[in-house]
Amino acid sequence: MRLLTWLTVIYLVVLVLALAVSLVTIFVYLWRIGSALAAVQGELSRTQLNTAPLENHLETINGGLVAVRDGLKQVDENLFETNESLNGVAAHLGIGSVTQK
């Protein structure tokens, strides 16, 4: 009976040590992850500060590009109408028509 008691105590000590090592390892990895996340947060804050002056410039550029987009849409509509007209003329002359995609 005494042997069984000692074996149980030894097993319990090994189990507690294994649990302690596992918990310490988890703590170390969590600490490393926390440090990495803190570094990322710092870099993101710096990036936000460094790019803040660009906001007004980007809004200006975006406004200009909207005007370009609208102009290109109008050009596309005009080209479509021209294509339709030329297809009508070509059909009337019997020389064929331009295929549309």
C-alpha atoms as a PDB file:
ATOM      1  CA  MET A   1       0.000   0.000   0.000  1.00  0.00           C
ATOM      2  CA  ARG A   2       2.856   2.342   0.793  1.00  0.00           C
ATOM      3  CA  LEU A   3       4.293   1.846  -2.717  1.00  0.00           C
ATOM      4  CA  LEU A   4       0.999   2.842  -4.278  1.00  0.00           C
ATOM      5  CA  THR A   5       0.933   6.015  -2.182  1.00  0.00           C
ATOM      6  CA  TRP A   6       4.450   6.973  -3.277  1.00  0.00           C
ATOM      7  CA  LEU A   7       3.680   6.245  -6.919  1.00  0.00           C
ATOM      8  CA  THR A   8       0.573   8.430  -6.679  1.00  0.00           C
ATOM      9  CA  VAL A   9       2.566  11.269  -5.091  1.00  0.00           C
ATOM     10  CA  ILE A  10       5.263  11.012  -7.762  1.00  0.00           C
ATOM     11  CA  TYR A  11       2.610  10.970 -10.501  1.00  0.00           C
ATOM     12  CA  LEU A  12       0.956  14.014  -8.937  1.00  0.00           C
ATOM     13  CA  VAL A  13       4.284  15.909  -8.792  1.00  0.00           C
ATOM     14  CA  VAL A  14       5.044  15.077 -12.451  1.00  0.00           C
ATOM     15  CA  LEU A  15       1.538  16.136 -13.460  1.00  0.00           C
ATOM     16  CA  VAL A  16       1.801  19.451 -11.586  1.00  0.00           C
ATOM     17  CA  LEU A  17       5.246  20.118 -13.080  1.00  0.00           C
ATOM     18  CA  ALA A  18       3.977  19.382 -16.600  1.00  0.00           C
ATOM     19  CA  LEU A  19       1.034  21.702 -16.041  1.00  0.00           C
ATOM     20  CA  ALA A  20       3.322  24.425 -14.678  1.00  0.00           C
ATOM     21  CA  VAL A  21       5.677  24.146 -17.669  1.00  0.00           C
ATOM     22  CA  SER A  22       2.719  24.305 -20.049  1.00  0.00           C
ATOM     23  CA  LEU A  23       1.287  27.374 -18.347  1.00  0.00           C
ATOM     24  CA  VAL A  24       4.654  29.143 -18.318  1.00  0.00           C
ATOM     25  CA  THR A  25       5.108  28.363 -22.018  1.00  0.00           C
ATOM     26  CA  ILE A  26       1.650  29.734 -22.793  1.00  0.00           C
ATOM     27  CA  PHE A  27       2.429  32.862 -20.770  1.00  0.00           C
ATOM     28  CA  VAL A  28       5.701  33.398 -22.683  1.00  0.00           C
ATOM     29  CA  TYR A  29       3.960  33.085 -26.048  1.00  0.00           C
ATOM     30  CA  LEU A  30       1.153  35.412 -24.970  1.00  0.00           C
ATOM     31  CA  TRP A  31       3.762  37.936 -23.808  1.00  0.00           C
ATOM     32  CA  ARG A  32       5.507  37.768 -27.199  1.00  0.00           C
ATOM     33  CA  ILE A  33       2.199  38.181 -29.018  1.00  0.00           C
ATOM     34  CA  GLY A  34       1.317  41.153 -26.820  1.00  0.00           C
ATOM     35  CA  SER A  35       4.682  42.755 -27.561  1.00  0.00           C
ATOM     36  CA  ALA A  36       4.236  42.222 -31.299  1.00  0.00           C
ATOM     37  CA  LEU A  37       0.729  43.696 -31.202  1.00  0.00           C
ATOM     38  CA  ALA A  38       2.006  46.707 -29.280  1.00  0.00           C
ATOM     39  CA  ALA A  39       4.655  47.245 -31.961  1.00  0.00           C
ATOM     40  CA  VAL A  40       2.021  46.967 -34.700  1.00  0.00           C
ATOM     41  CA  GLN A  41      -0.191  49.453 -32.868  1.00  0.00           C
ATOM     42  CA  GLY A  42       2.699  51.885 -32.617  1.00  0.00           C
ATOM     43  CA  GLU A  43       3.478  51.608 -36.317  1.00  0.00           C
ATOM     44  CA  LEU A  44      -0.176  52.050 -37.240  1.00  0.00           C
ATOM     45  CA  SER A  45      -0.319  55.201 -35.124  1.00  0.00           C
ATOM     46  CA  ARG A  46       2.768  56.543 -36.890  1.00  0.00           C
ATOM     47  CA  THR A  47       1.261  55.679 -40.264  1.00  0.00           C
ATOM     48  CA  GLN A  48      -1.935  57.516 -39.366  1.00  0.00           C
ATOM     49  CA  LEU A  49       0.037  60.599 -38.364  1.00  0.00           C
ATOM     50  CA  ASN A  50       2.219  60.464 -41.478  1.00  0.00           C
ATOM     51  CA  THR A  51      -0.715  60.102 -43.878  1.00  0.00           C
ATOM     52  CA  ALA A  52      -3.052  62.626 -42.239  1.00  0.00           C
ATOM     53  CA  PRO A  53      -1.815  65.547 -44.420  1.00  0.00           C
ATOM     54  CA  LEU A  54      -2.740  63.590 -47.561  1.00  0.00           C
ATOM     55  CA  GLU A  55      -6.466  63.653 -46.814  1.00  0.00           C
ATOM     56  CA  ASN A  56      -7.149  67.057 -48.384  1.00  0.00           C
ATOM     57  CA  HIS A  57      -5.001  66.272 -51.408  1.00  0.00           C
ATOM     58  CA  LEU A  58      -6.775  62.970 -51.978  1.00  0.00           C
ATOM     59  CA  GLU A  59     -10.185  64.647 -51.750  1.00  0.00           C
ATOM     60  CA  THR A  60      -9.070  67.184 -54.375  1.00  0.00           C
ATOM     61  CA  ILE A  61      -7.712  64.450 -56.637  1.00  0.00           C
ATOM     62  CA  ASN A  62     -10.878  62.408 -56.168  1.00  0.00           C
ATOM     63  CA  GLY A  63     -13.027  65.404 -57.137  1.00  0.00           C
ATOM     64  CA  GLY A  64     -10.963  65.874 -60.289  1.00  0.00           C
ATOM     65  CA  LEU A  65     -11.204  62.211 -61.162  1.00  0.00           C
ATOM     66  CA  VAL A  66     -14.987  62.318 -60.790  1.00  0.00           C
ATOM     67  CA  ALA A  67     -15.043  65.036 -63.442  1.00  0.00           C
ATOM     68  CA  VAL A  68     -12.788  62.931 -65.690  1.00  0.00           C
ATOM     69  CA  ARG A  69     -15.082  59.931 -65.180  1.00  0.00           C
ATOM     70  CA  ASP A  70     -18.143  61.955 -66.125  1.00  0.00           C
ATOM     71  CA  GLY A  71     -16.380  63.264 -69.219  1.00  0.00           C
ATOM     72  CA  LEU A  72     -15.350  59.755 -70.263  1.00  0.00           C
ATOM     73  CA  LYS A  73     -18.908  58.515 -69.805  1.00  0.00           C
ATOM     74  CA  GLN A  74     -20.084  61.266 -72.126  1.00  0.00           C
ATOM     75  CA  VAL A  75     -17.390  60.323 -74.672  1.00  0.00           C
ATOM     76  CA  ASP A  76     -18.506  56.690 -74.455  1.00  0.00           C
ATOM     77  CA  GLU A  77     -22.126  57.674 -75.093  1.00  0.00           C
ATOM     78  CA  ASN A  78     -21.094  59.863 -78.042  1.00  0.00           C
ATOM     79  CA  LEU A  79     -18.992  57.075 -79.538  1.00  0.00           C
ATOM     80  CA  PHE A  80     -21.877  54.640 -79.160  1.00  0.00           C
ATOM     81  CA  GLU A  81     -24.237  57.038 -80.917  1.00  0.00           C
ATOM     82  CA  THR A  82     -21.653  57.634 -83.668  1.00  0.00           C
ATOM     83  CA  ASN A  83     -21.256  53.896 -84.106  1.00  0.00           C
ATOM     84  CA  GLU A  84     -25.017  53.488 -84.422  1.00  0.00           C
ATOM     85  CA  SER A  85     -25.175  56.265 -87.011  1.00  0.00           C
ATOM     86  CA  LEU A  86     -22.295  54.819 -89.015  1.00  0.00           C
ATOM     87  CA  ASN A  87     -23.906  51.375 -88.929  1.00  0.00           C
ATOM     88  CA  GLY A  88     -27.067  52.926 -90.353  1.00  0.00           C
ATOM     89  CA  VAL A  89     -25.134  54.672 -93.113  1.00  0.00           C
ATOM     90  CA  ALA A  90     -23.172  51.491 -93.894  1.00  0.00           C
ATOM     91  CA  ALA A  91     -26.364  49.443 -94.049  1.00  0.00           C
ATOM     92  CA  HIS A  92     -27.967  52.033 -96.323  1.00  0.00           C
ATOM     93  CA  LEU A  93     -24.945  51.943 -98.626  1.00  0.00           C
ATOM     94  CA  GLY A  94     -24.859  48.143 -98.492  1.00  0.00           C
ATOM     95  CA  ILE A  95     -21.271  47.949 -97.357  1.00  0.00           C
ATOM     96  CA  GLY A  96     -21.922  46.035 -94.154  1.00  0.00           C
ATOM     97  CA  SER A  97     -22.022  47.036 -90.514  1.00  0.00           C
ATOM     98  CA  VAL A  98     -19.657  47.203 -87.606  1.00  0.00           C
ATOM     99  CA  THR A  99     -20.208  44.403 -85.089  1.00  0.00           C
ATOM    100  CA  GLN A 100     -20.857  45.393 -81.508  1.00  0.00           C
ATOM    101  CA  LYS A 101     -19.593  43.586 -78.452  1.00  0.00           C
END
